[in-house]
């Protein structure tokens, strides 16, 4: 089926009229945290409530990568190509070493446990930025109810010395995040507190300071409708591709909605991949989709 709703003519240059939404797999519970491994030509994705990480490849289809996963959510890769992940159950950030061993990079701040790290990105300087809301410790469905020891925050981790610092502490539910291509801006989705009936939900744009270690001014970038923004990614032109209640929304750097990839269901997260990073993988509840685009994602490697 044709999968696009065009809201702005600029969207025409980003899509391919003969590219269709492809179903790659189904029968999961709730997919999250997709990450592309170009060197292995495969996608890893969290089947969060099932406590497992799945693998998809063009040649092999769907297979199991890891179970249990510590109720893994968001993933990315570091500058050495190693898998970084967010564990709800163990309330930590992990790194999978090249020999398969798993290292805990951060699980506490000033002696208090993290909540449930949700999503994660890496800057070109190697620093790791991640969100730490309360969603993953609020229910047994996504990791197990546990007591929070700290407010919801966004952290920056320097793996060189293990230093963990707070970069944002005034959001009720920081969720997905991504940097602009030049890393001069950081976008974060505010999902609100768990189970709030009228939560404030939008994407916020932060200025990255000149030294790259902290954040400056901020503004409301965009409000997704219907639903809200969860996982987000940036393309080579600075457009933000966001999860939403009816598919994937593409938003221009000026905050205007350009168009929608319609999935017919709620989308939680997305990832650019494929040989040219121009294939968008879409986590839509119990289904995994993909579609080819006429733009490339900002992805490492």
C-alpha atoms as a PDB file:
ATOM      1  CA  UNK A   1       0.000   0.000   0.000  1.00  0.00           C
ATOM      2  CA  UNK A   2       1.045   3.618  -0.420  1.00  0.00           C
ATOM      3  CA  UNK A   3       2.251   4.780   2.951  1.00  0.00           C
ATOM      4  CA  UNK A   4       2.563   8.560   2.762  1.00  0.00           C
ATOM      5  CA  UNK A   5       0.557  11.595   3.823  1.00  0.00           C
ATOM      6  CA  UNK A   6       2.177  14.742   2.419  1.00  0.00           C
ATOM      7  CA  UNK A   7       1.739  17.918   4.488  1.00  0.00           C
ATOM      8  CA  UNK A   8       4.459  20.043   2.897  1.00  0.00           C
ATOM      9  CA  UNK A   9       5.942  19.909  -0.609  1.00  0.00           C
ATOM     10  CA  UNK A  10       9.418  19.532   0.902  1.00  0.00           C
ATOM     11  CA  UNK A  11       8.455  15.980   1.879  1.00  0.00           C
ATOM     12  CA  UNK A  12       8.357  14.965  -1.800  1.00  0.00           C
ATOM     13  CA  UNK A  13      12.152  15.118  -2.042  1.00  0.00           C
ATOM     14  CA  UNK A  14      12.602  12.779   0.941  1.00  0.00           C
ATOM     15  CA  UNK A  15      10.401   9.892  -0.185  1.00  0.00           C
ATOM     16  CA  UNK A  16      10.291   7.458  -3.078  1.00  0.00           C
ATOM     17  CA  UNK A  17       6.888   7.140  -4.775  1.00  0.00           C
ATOM     18  CA  UNK A  18       7.529   3.519  -5.737  1.00  0.00           C
ATOM     19  CA  UNK A  19       8.821   2.450  -2.304  1.00  0.00           C
ATOM     20  CA  UNK A  20       6.276   0.658  -0.170  1.00  0.00           C
ATOM     21  CA  UNK A  21       5.982  -0.148   3.495  1.00  0.00           C
ATOM     22  CA  UNK A  22       7.292  -3.693   3.980  1.00  0.00           C
ATOM     23  CA  UNK A  23       6.368  -5.996   6.866  1.00  0.00           C
ATOM     24  CA  UNK A  24       9.555  -7.720   8.092  1.00  0.00           C
ATOM     25  CA  UNK A  25       8.170  -9.555  11.121  1.00  0.00           C
ATOM     26  CA  UNK A  26       5.265  -9.792  13.535  1.00  0.00           C
ATOM     27  CA  UNK A  27       4.059 -11.666  16.609  1.00  0.00           C
ATOM     28  CA  UNK A  28       6.132  -9.710  19.126  1.00  0.00           C
ATOM     29  CA  UNK A  29       4.733  -7.937  22.192  1.00  0.00           C
ATOM     30  CA  UNK A  30       6.179  -4.410  21.989  1.00  0.00           C
ATOM     31  CA  UNK A  31       9.218  -3.582  19.886  1.00  0.00           C
ATOM     32  CA  UNK A  32      11.740  -0.929  20.915  1.00  0.00           C
ATOM     33  CA  UNK A  33      15.369   0.135  20.631  1.00  0.00           C
ATOM     34  CA  UNK A  34      16.270  -0.714  16.996  1.00  0.00           C
ATOM     35  CA  UNK A  35      19.911  -0.356  15.973  1.00  0.00           C
ATOM     36  CA  UNK A  36      21.577  -1.141  12.627  1.00  0.00           C
ATOM     37  CA  UNK A  37      24.837  -3.104  12.373  1.00  0.00           C
ATOM     38  CA  UNK A  38      26.218  -2.241   8.936  1.00  0.00           C
ATOM     39  CA  UNK A  39      29.200  -4.581   9.269  1.00  0.00           C
ATOM     40  CA  UNK A  40      26.892  -7.535   9.961  1.00  0.00           C
ATOM     41  CA  UNK A  41      24.052  -6.342   7.691  1.00  0.00           C
ATOM     42  CA  UNK A  42      21.502  -6.846  10.418  1.00  0.00           C
ATOM     43  CA  UNK A  43      19.143  -4.978  12.716  1.00  0.00           C
ATOM     44  CA  UNK A  44      18.881  -5.627  16.438  1.00  0.00           C
ATOM     45  CA  UNK A  45      15.602  -4.729  18.125  1.00  0.00           C
ATOM     46  CA  UNK A  46      14.209  -5.158  21.645  1.00  0.00           C
ATOM     47  CA  UNK A  47      11.041  -7.193  22.160  1.00  0.00           C
ATOM     48  CA  UNK A  48      10.774  -5.450  25.495  1.00  0.00           C
ATOM     49  CA  UNK A  49       8.005  -7.260  27.461  1.00  0.00           C
ATOM     50  CA  UNK A  50       9.358 -10.621  26.268  1.00  0.00           C
ATOM     51  CA  UNK A  51      12.775  -9.752  27.764  1.00  0.00           C
ATOM     52  CA  UNK A  52      14.666 -10.500  24.588  1.00  0.00           C
ATOM     53  CA  UNK A  53      16.588  -8.873  21.733  1.00  0.00           C
ATOM     54  CA  UNK A  54      15.782 -10.044  18.222  1.00  0.00           C
ATOM     55  CA  UNK A  55      17.885  -9.943  15.059  1.00  0.00           C
ATOM     56  CA  UNK A  56      16.649  -9.277  11.529  1.00  0.00           C
ATOM     57  CA  UNK A  57      18.631  -9.687   8.316  1.00  0.00           C
ATOM     58  CA  UNK A  58      17.675  -9.741   4.644  1.00  0.00           C
ATOM     59  CA  UNK A  59      19.020 -13.249   4.235  1.00  0.00           C
ATOM     60  CA  UNK A  60      18.021 -14.772   7.562  1.00  0.00           C
ATOM     61  CA  UNK A  61      14.809 -13.029   8.526  1.00  0.00           C
ATOM     62  CA  UNK A  62      13.965 -12.919  12.244  1.00  0.00           C
ATOM     63  CA  UNK A  63      16.034 -14.806  14.827  1.00  0.00           C
ATOM     64  CA  UNK A  64      16.810 -14.588  18.532  1.00  0.00           C
ATOM     65  CA  UNK A  65      19.890 -12.578  19.504  1.00  0.00           C
ATOM     66  CA  UNK A  66      19.730 -12.538  23.322  1.00  0.00           C
ATOM     67  CA  UNK A  67      17.387 -13.758  26.034  1.00  0.00           C
ATOM     68  CA  UNK A  68      17.107 -12.695  28.778  1.00  0.00           C
ATOM     69  CA  UNK A  69      18.097  -9.172  27.886  1.00  0.00           C
ATOM     70  CA  UNK A  70      17.559  -7.438  31.234  1.00  0.00           C
ATOM     71  CA  UNK A  71      14.401  -6.004  29.657  1.00  0.00           C
ATOM     72  CA  UNK A  72      16.517  -4.033  27.209  1.00  0.00           C
ATOM     73  CA  UNK A  73      15.038  -0.908  25.656  1.00  0.00           C
ATOM     74  CA  UNK A  74      17.111   1.626  23.667  1.00  0.00           C
ATOM     75  CA  UNK A  75      20.322   0.751  21.820  1.00  0.00           C
ATOM     76  CA  UNK A  76      23.090   2.427  19.882  1.00  0.00           C
ATOM     77  CA  UNK A  77      26.736   1.743  18.989  1.00  0.00           C
ATOM     78  CA  UNK A  78      29.852   3.399  20.345  1.00  0.00           C
ATOM     79  CA  UNK A  79      32.793   4.697  18.324  1.00  0.00           C
ATOM     80  CA  UNK A  80      34.361   1.242  18.359  1.00  0.00           C
ATOM     81  CA  UNK A  81      31.171  -0.360  17.016  1.00  0.00           C
ATOM     82  CA  UNK A  82      30.192  -2.024  20.281  1.00  0.00           C
ATOM     83  CA  UNK A  83      26.551  -2.395  21.270  1.00  0.00           C
ATOM     84  CA  UNK A  84      25.351  -0.041  23.997  1.00  0.00           C
ATOM     85  CA  UNK A  85      22.046  -0.762  25.675  1.00  0.00           C
ATOM     86  CA  UNK A  86      19.553   0.412  28.284  1.00  0.00           C
ATOM     87  CA  UNK A  87      18.375  -2.193  30.800  1.00  0.00           C
ATOM     88  CA  UNK A  88      15.105  -1.640  32.641  1.00  0.00           C
ATOM     89  CA  UNK A  89      15.415  -4.656  34.924  1.00  0.00           C
ATOM     90  CA  UNK A  90      18.985  -3.960  36.007  1.00  0.00           C
ATOM     91  CA  UNK A  91      18.587  -0.150  35.860  1.00  0.00           C
ATOM     92  CA  UNK A  92      21.827   0.412  33.997  1.00  0.00           C
ATOM     93  CA  UNK A  93      23.687   1.181  30.794  1.00  0.00           C
ATOM     94  CA  UNK A  94      25.575  -1.774  29.332  1.00  0.00           C
ATOM     95  CA  UNK A  95      28.209  -2.335  26.674  1.00  0.00           C
ATOM     96  CA  UNK A  96      28.595  -5.624  24.825  1.00  0.00           C
ATOM     97  CA  UNK A  97      32.306  -6.165  24.275  1.00  0.00           C
ATOM     98  CA  UNK A  98      33.685  -7.588  21.046  1.00  0.00           C
ATOM     99  CA  UNK A  99      34.113 -10.979  22.750  1.00  0.00           C
ATOM    100  CA  UNK A 100      30.460 -10.981  23.865  1.00  0.00           C
ATOM    101  CA  UNK A 101      31.056 -10.064  27.502  1.00  0.00           C
ATOM    102  CA  UNK A 102      28.675  -7.495  28.975  1.00  0.00           C
ATOM    103  CA  UNK A 103      30.076  -4.541  30.925  1.00  0.00           C
ATOM    104  CA  UNK A 104      27.954  -2.282  33.127  1.00  0.00           C
ATOM    105  CA  UNK A 105      28.968   1.299  32.338  1.00  0.00           C
ATOM    106  CA  UNK A 106      26.649   3.122  34.741  1.00  0.00           C
ATOM    107  CA  UNK A 107      24.004   2.046  37.246  1.00  0.00           C
ATOM    108  CA  UNK A 108      24.172   4.742  39.936  1.00  0.00           C
ATOM    109  CA  UNK A 109      24.581   8.454  40.351  1.00  0.00           C
ATOM    110  CA  UNK A 110      26.124   9.600  43.634  1.00  0.00           C
ATOM    111  CA  UNK A 111      25.283   6.265  45.226  1.00  0.00           C
ATOM    112  CA  UNK A 112      21.623   6.167  44.161  1.00  0.00           C
ATOM    113  CA  UNK A 113      20.338   3.706  41.594  1.00  0.00           C
ATOM    114  CA  UNK A 114      19.308   4.931  38.190  1.00  0.00           C
ATOM    115  CA  UNK A 115      15.627   4.494  37.368  1.00  0.00           C
ATOM    116  CA  UNK A 116      15.249   2.650  34.062  1.00  0.00           C
ATOM    117  CA  UNK A 117      17.469   4.007  31.265  1.00  0.00           C
ATOM    118  CA  UNK A 118      15.309   4.324  28.187  1.00  0.00           C
ATOM    119  CA  UNK A 119      17.146   5.623  25.118  1.00  0.00           C
ATOM    120  CA  UNK A 120      20.771   6.324  24.293  1.00  0.00           C
ATOM    121  CA  UNK A 121      22.995   8.139  21.770  1.00  0.00           C
ATOM    122  CA  UNK A 122      26.737   8.638  21.263  1.00  0.00           C
ATOM    123  CA  UNK A 123      28.432  11.872  20.152  1.00  0.00           C
ATOM    124  CA  UNK A 124      31.457  11.892  17.894  1.00  0.00           C
ATOM    125  CA  UNK A 125      33.658  12.624  20.914  1.00  0.00           C
ATOM    126  CA  UNK A 126      32.637   9.228  22.316  1.00  0.00           C
ATOM    127  CA  UNK A 127      30.485  10.540  25.163  1.00  0.00           C
ATOM    128  CA  UNK A 128      27.249   8.670  25.858  1.00  0.00           C
ATOM    129  CA  UNK A 129      23.989  10.538  26.477  1.00  0.00           C
ATOM    130  CA  UNK A 130      20.919   8.742  27.814  1.00  0.00           C
ATOM    131  CA  UNK A 131      17.484   9.358  29.271  1.00  0.00           C
ATOM    132  CA  UNK A 132      16.433   7.907  32.622  1.00  0.00           C
ATOM    133  CA  UNK A 133      12.661   8.178  33.209  1.00  0.00           C
ATOM    134  CA  UNK A 134      10.553   6.030  35.533  1.00  0.00           C
ATOM    135  CA  UNK A 135       8.574   4.100  32.905  1.00  0.00           C
ATOM    136  CA  UNK A 136      10.569   0.870  33.130  1.00  0.00           C
ATOM    137  CA  UNK A 137      10.227   0.493  36.899  1.00  0.00           C
ATOM    138  CA  UNK A 138       6.560   1.504  37.028  1.00  0.00           C
ATOM    139  CA  UNK A 139       5.102  -1.819  35.817  1.00  0.00           C
ATOM    140  CA  UNK A 140       5.957  -5.496  35.759  1.00  0.00           C
ATOM    141  CA  UNK A 141       5.301  -5.556  32.010  1.00  0.00           C
ATOM    142  CA  UNK A 142       8.497  -3.751  31.002  1.00  0.00           C
ATOM    143  CA  UNK A 143      10.994  -4.712  33.650  1.00  0.00           C
ATOM    144  CA  UNK A 144       9.456  -5.036  37.096  1.00  0.00           C
ATOM    145  CA  UNK A 145       8.133  -2.542  39.612  1.00  0.00           C
ATOM    146  CA  UNK A 146      10.899  -1.076  41.721  1.00  0.00           C
ATOM    147  CA  UNK A 147      11.332   1.947  43.962  1.00  0.00           C
ATOM    148  CA  UNK A 148      12.765   5.072  42.393  1.00  0.00           C
ATOM    149  CA  UNK A 149      15.762   6.589  44.150  1.00  0.00           C
ATOM    150  CA  UNK A 150      16.219   9.661  41.922  1.00  0.00           C
ATOM    151  CA  UNK A 151      14.167  12.005  39.729  1.00  0.00           C
ATOM    152  CA  UNK A 152      13.832  11.480  36.007  1.00  0.00           C
ATOM    153  CA  UNK A 153      16.922  12.902  34.301  1.00  0.00           C
ATOM    154  CA  UNK A 154      19.112  12.976  31.221  1.00  0.00           C
ATOM    155  CA  UNK A 155      22.746  12.023  31.795  1.00  0.00           C
ATOM    156  CA  UNK A 156      26.070  12.334  30.003  1.00  0.00           C
ATOM    157  CA  UNK A 157      28.628   9.574  30.525  1.00  0.00           C
ATOM    158  CA  UNK A 158      32.292   9.895  29.601  1.00  0.00           C
ATOM    159  CA  UNK A 159      33.488   6.308  29.091  1.00  0.00           C
ATOM    160  CA  UNK A 160      37.112   7.455  29.233  1.00  0.00           C
ATOM    161  CA  UNK A 161      36.936   8.046  32.983  1.00  0.00           C
ATOM    162  CA  UNK A 162      33.441   6.849  33.912  1.00  0.00           C
ATOM    163  CA  UNK A 163      32.312  10.344  34.905  1.00  0.00           C
ATOM    164  CA  UNK A 164      28.519  10.637  34.966  1.00  0.00           C
ATOM    165  CA  UNK A 165      26.895  14.072  34.958  1.00  0.00           C
ATOM    166  CA  UNK A 166      23.345  15.414  34.835  1.00  0.00           C
ATOM    167  CA  UNK A 167      22.536  17.465  31.739  1.00  0.00           C
ATOM    168  CA  UNK A 168      18.742  17.818  32.224  1.00  0.00           C
ATOM    169  CA  UNK A 169      16.770  17.435  35.448  1.00  0.00           C
ATOM    170  CA  UNK A 170      13.503  19.308  34.814  1.00  0.00           C
ATOM    171  CA  UNK A 171      11.602  16.851  32.583  1.00  0.00           C
ATOM    172  CA  UNK A 172       8.916  14.534  33.945  1.00  0.00           C
ATOM    173  CA  UNK A 173       9.466  11.788  31.367  1.00  0.00           C
ATOM    174  CA  UNK A 174      12.525  12.216  29.114  1.00  0.00           C
ATOM    175  CA  UNK A 175      12.311   9.526  26.465  1.00  0.00           C
ATOM    176  CA  UNK A 176      13.889   9.467  22.992  1.00  0.00           C
ATOM    177  CA  UNK A 177      16.819  11.658  21.979  1.00  0.00           C
ATOM    178  CA  UNK A 178      19.032  12.447  18.993  1.00  0.00           C
ATOM    179  CA  UNK A 179      21.625  15.002  17.915  1.00  0.00           C
ATOM    180  CA  UNK A 180      21.477  17.195  14.833  1.00  0.00           C
ATOM    181  CA  UNK A 181      24.016  16.318  12.097  1.00  0.00           C
ATOM    182  CA  UNK A 182      26.533  18.899  13.349  1.00  0.00           C
ATOM    183  CA  UNK A 183      25.760  18.022  16.988  1.00  0.00           C
ATOM    184  CA  UNK A 184      24.940  21.647  17.738  1.00  0.00           C
ATOM    185  CA  UNK A 185      21.438  20.693  18.857  1.00  0.00           C
ATOM    186  CA  UNK A 186      20.011  17.906  20.975  1.00  0.00           C
ATOM    187  CA  UNK A 187      16.386  16.858  20.565  1.00  0.00           C
ATOM    188  CA  UNK A 188      14.602  15.127  23.448  1.00  0.00           C
ATOM    189  CA  UNK A 189      11.056  13.830  23.634  1.00  0.00           C
ATOM    190  CA  UNK A 190       9.094  14.677  26.771  1.00  0.00           C
ATOM    191  CA  UNK A 191       6.561  11.898  27.374  1.00  0.00           C
ATOM    192  CA  UNK A 192       5.370  13.119  30.766  1.00  0.00           C
ATOM    193  CA  UNK A 193       5.112  11.173  34.035  1.00  0.00           C
ATOM    194  CA  UNK A 194       3.944   7.544  33.891  1.00  0.00           C
ATOM    195  CA  UNK A 195       0.143   7.138  33.648  1.00  0.00           C
ATOM    196  CA  UNK A 196      -0.567  10.874  33.792  1.00  0.00           C
ATOM    197  CA  UNK A 197      -3.979  11.614  32.283  1.00  0.00           C
ATOM    198  CA  UNK A 198      -2.992  14.971  30.803  1.00  0.00           C
ATOM    199  CA  UNK A 199       0.780  14.797  30.494  1.00  0.00           C
ATOM    200  CA  UNK A 200       2.704  17.565  28.753  1.00  0.00           C
ATOM    201  CA  UNK A 201       4.189  15.831  25.705  1.00  0.00           C
ATOM    202  CA  UNK A 202       6.359  17.390  22.998  1.00  0.00           C
ATOM    203  CA  UNK A 203       9.803  17.404  21.403  1.00  0.00           C
ATOM    204  CA  UNK A 204      12.261  19.897  22.889  1.00  0.00           C
ATOM    205  CA  UNK A 205      15.243  21.386  21.069  1.00  0.00           C
ATOM    206  CA  UNK A 206      18.334  22.173  23.161  1.00  0.00           C
ATOM    207  CA  UNK A 207      21.388  24.141  22.104  1.00  0.00           C
ATOM    208  CA  UNK A 208      24.654  22.267  22.720  1.00  0.00           C
ATOM    209  CA  UNK A 209      27.324  24.487  24.273  1.00  0.00           C
ATOM    210  CA  UNK A 210      30.469  25.275  22.306  1.00  0.00           C
ATOM    211  CA  UNK A 211      32.554  22.814  24.334  1.00  0.00           C
ATOM    212  CA  UNK A 212      30.000  20.094  23.565  1.00  0.00           C
ATOM    213  CA  UNK A 213      29.750  18.960  27.179  1.00  0.00           C
ATOM    214  CA  UNK A 214      26.533  20.652  28.277  1.00  0.00           C
ATOM    215  CA  UNK A 215      23.266  22.164  27.060  1.00  0.00           C
ATOM    216  CA  UNK A 216      22.264  25.792  26.715  1.00  0.00           C
ATOM    217  CA  UNK A 217      18.934  27.324  25.795  1.00  0.00           C
ATOM    218  CA  UNK A 218      15.893  25.280  24.864  1.00  0.00           C
ATOM    219  CA  UNK A 219      12.548  25.668  23.114  1.00  0.00           C
ATOM    220  CA  UNK A 220       9.524  23.594  22.205  1.00  0.00           C
ATOM    221  CA  UNK A 221      10.328  22.155  18.784  1.00  0.00           C
ATOM    222  CA  UNK A 222       7.162  20.259  17.859  1.00  0.00           C
ATOM    223  CA  UNK A 223       4.130  18.521  19.345  1.00  0.00           C
ATOM    224  CA  UNK A 224       3.160  15.213  17.777  1.00  0.00           C
ATOM    225  CA  UNK A 225      -0.510  14.586  17.066  1.00  0.00           C
ATOM    226  CA  UNK A 226      -2.025  12.037  17.375  1.00  0.00           C
ATOM    227  CA  UNK A 227      -0.165  10.290  20.172  1.00  0.00           C
ATOM    228  CA  UNK A 228       3.221  11.535  21.302  1.00  0.00           C
ATOM    229  CA  UNK A 229       6.883  11.331  20.384  1.00  0.00           C
ATOM    230  CA  UNK A 230       8.824   8.354  21.743  1.00  0.00           C
ATOM    231  CA  UNK A 231      11.907   7.403  19.717  1.00  0.00           C
ATOM    232  CA  UNK A 232      13.348   9.927  17.251  1.00  0.00           C
ATOM    233  CA  UNK A 233      16.122  10.017  14.646  1.00  0.00           C
ATOM    234  CA  UNK A 234      17.707  12.736  12.522  1.00  0.00           C
ATOM    235  CA  UNK A 235      18.492  12.575   8.813  1.00  0.00           C
ATOM    236  CA  UNK A 236      21.387  14.133   6.892  1.00  0.00           C
ATOM    237  CA  UNK A 237      19.402  17.328   6.237  1.00  0.00           C
ATOM    238  CA  UNK A 238      18.488  17.902   9.871  1.00  0.00           C
ATOM    239  CA  UNK A 239      14.905  16.653   9.598  1.00  0.00           C
ATOM    240  CA  UNK A 240      13.569  14.819  12.645  1.00  0.00           C
ATOM    241  CA  UNK A 241      11.758  11.518  12.090  1.00  0.00           C
ATOM    242  CA  UNK A 242       9.538  10.741  15.059  1.00  0.00           C
ATOM    243  CA  UNK A 243       7.352   7.946  16.328  1.00  0.00           C
ATOM    244  CA  UNK A 244       3.681   8.874  16.668  1.00  0.00           C
ATOM    245  CA  UNK A 245       0.235   7.446  17.281  1.00  0.00           C
ATOM    246  CA  UNK A 246      -0.420   6.784  13.594  1.00  0.00           C
ATOM    247  CA  UNK A 247       3.001   6.140  12.121  1.00  0.00           C
ATOM    248  CA  UNK A 248       6.240   8.072  11.628  1.00  0.00           C
ATOM    249  CA  UNK A 249       6.171  11.874  11.342  1.00  0.00           C
ATOM    250  CA  UNK A 250       8.874  13.808   9.487  1.00  0.00           C
ATOM    251  CA  UNK A 251       9.519  17.284  10.881  1.00  0.00           C
ATOM    252  CA  UNK A 252      11.672  19.945   9.233  1.00  0.00           C
ATOM    253  CA  UNK A 253      14.417  21.771  11.171  1.00  0.00           C
ATOM    254  CA  UNK A 254      12.000  24.722  11.427  1.00  0.00           C
ATOM    255  CA  UNK A 255       9.536  22.540  13.360  1.00  0.00           C
ATOM    256  CA  UNK A 256       6.985  22.143  10.560  1.00  0.00           C
ATOM    257  CA  UNK A 257       5.392  18.772   9.852  1.00  0.00           C
ATOM    258  CA  UNK A 258       6.444  17.658   6.367  1.00  0.00           C
ATOM    259  CA  UNK A 259       4.693  14.331   6.097  1.00  0.00           C
ATOM    260  CA  UNK A 260       3.708  11.022   7.648  1.00  0.00           C
ATOM    261  CA  UNK A 261       4.581   7.405   6.961  1.00  0.00           C
ATOM    262  CA  UNK A 262       1.310   5.659   7.779  1.00  0.00           C
ATOM    263  CA  UNK A 263       1.557   2.344   9.608  1.00  0.00           C
ATOM    264  CA  UNK A 264      -1.997   2.043  10.887  1.00  0.00           C
ATOM    265  CA  UNK A 265      -0.688   1.545  14.417  1.00  0.00           C
ATOM    266  CA  UNK A 266       1.292   3.228  17.182  1.00  0.00           C
ATOM    267  CA  UNK A 267       5.031   3.517  16.514  1.00  0.00           C
ATOM    268  CA  UNK A 268       7.487   3.385  19.415  1.00  0.00           C
ATOM    269  CA  UNK A 269      10.888   3.790  17.788  1.00  0.00           C
ATOM    270  CA  UNK A 270      12.777   3.884  14.498  1.00  0.00           C
ATOM    271  CA  UNK A 271      16.272   3.448  13.070  1.00  0.00           C
ATOM    272  CA  UNK A 272      17.993   4.213   9.786  1.00  0.00           C
ATOM    273  CA  UNK A 273      19.901   1.331   8.254  1.00  0.00           C
ATOM    274  CA  UNK A 274      20.660  -0.567   5.095  1.00  0.00           C
ATOM    275  CA  UNK A 275      23.802  -0.229   2.955  1.00  0.00           C
ATOM    276  CA  UNK A 276      23.344   3.533   2.492  1.00  0.00           C
ATOM    277  CA  UNK A 277      21.493   4.219   5.772  1.00  0.00           C
ATOM    278  CA  UNK A 278      18.457   5.135   3.643  1.00  0.00           C
ATOM    279  CA  UNK A 279      16.130   2.402   4.840  1.00  0.00           C
ATOM    280  CA  UNK A 280      13.949   3.310   7.810  1.00  0.00           C
ATOM    281  CA  UNK A 281      13.141   0.471  10.213  1.00  0.00           C
ATOM    282  CA  UNK A 282       9.942   1.024  12.180  1.00  0.00           C
ATOM    283  CA  UNK A 283       8.886  -0.563  15.477  1.00  0.00           C
ATOM    284  CA  UNK A 284       5.078  -0.570  15.459  1.00  0.00           C
ATOM    285  CA  UNK A 285       3.768  -2.491  18.451  1.00  0.00           C
ATOM    286  CA  UNK A 286       3.946  -6.184  17.585  1.00  0.00           C
ATOM    287  CA  UNK A 287       5.168  -5.552  14.023  1.00  0.00           C
ATOM    288  CA  UNK A 288       8.477  -4.590  12.418  1.00  0.00           C
ATOM    289  CA  UNK A 289       8.289  -2.563   9.198  1.00  0.00           C
ATOM    290  CA  UNK A 290      10.806  -0.986   6.839  1.00  0.00           C
ATOM    291  CA  UNK A 291      10.646   1.486   3.992  1.00  0.00           C
ATOM    292  CA  UNK A 292      13.272   2.947   1.650  1.00  0.00           C
ATOM    293  CA  UNK A 293      13.611   6.749   1.660  1.00  0.00           C
ATOM    294  CA  UNK A 294      15.408   9.326  -0.456  1.00  0.00           C
ATOM    295  CA  UNK A 295      17.529  10.534   2.459  1.00  0.00           C
ATOM    296  CA  UNK A 296      20.124   9.039   4.770  1.00  0.00           C
ATOM    297  CA  UNK A 297      20.067   8.860   8.505  1.00  0.00           C
ATOM    298  CA  UNK A 298      22.685  10.244  10.855  1.00  0.00           C
ATOM    299  CA  UNK A 299      23.988   6.913  12.085  1.00  0.00           C
ATOM    300  CA  UNK A 300      27.274   5.454  13.295  1.00  0.00           C
ATOM    301  CA  UNK A 301      28.948   3.552  11.872  1.00  0.00           C
END
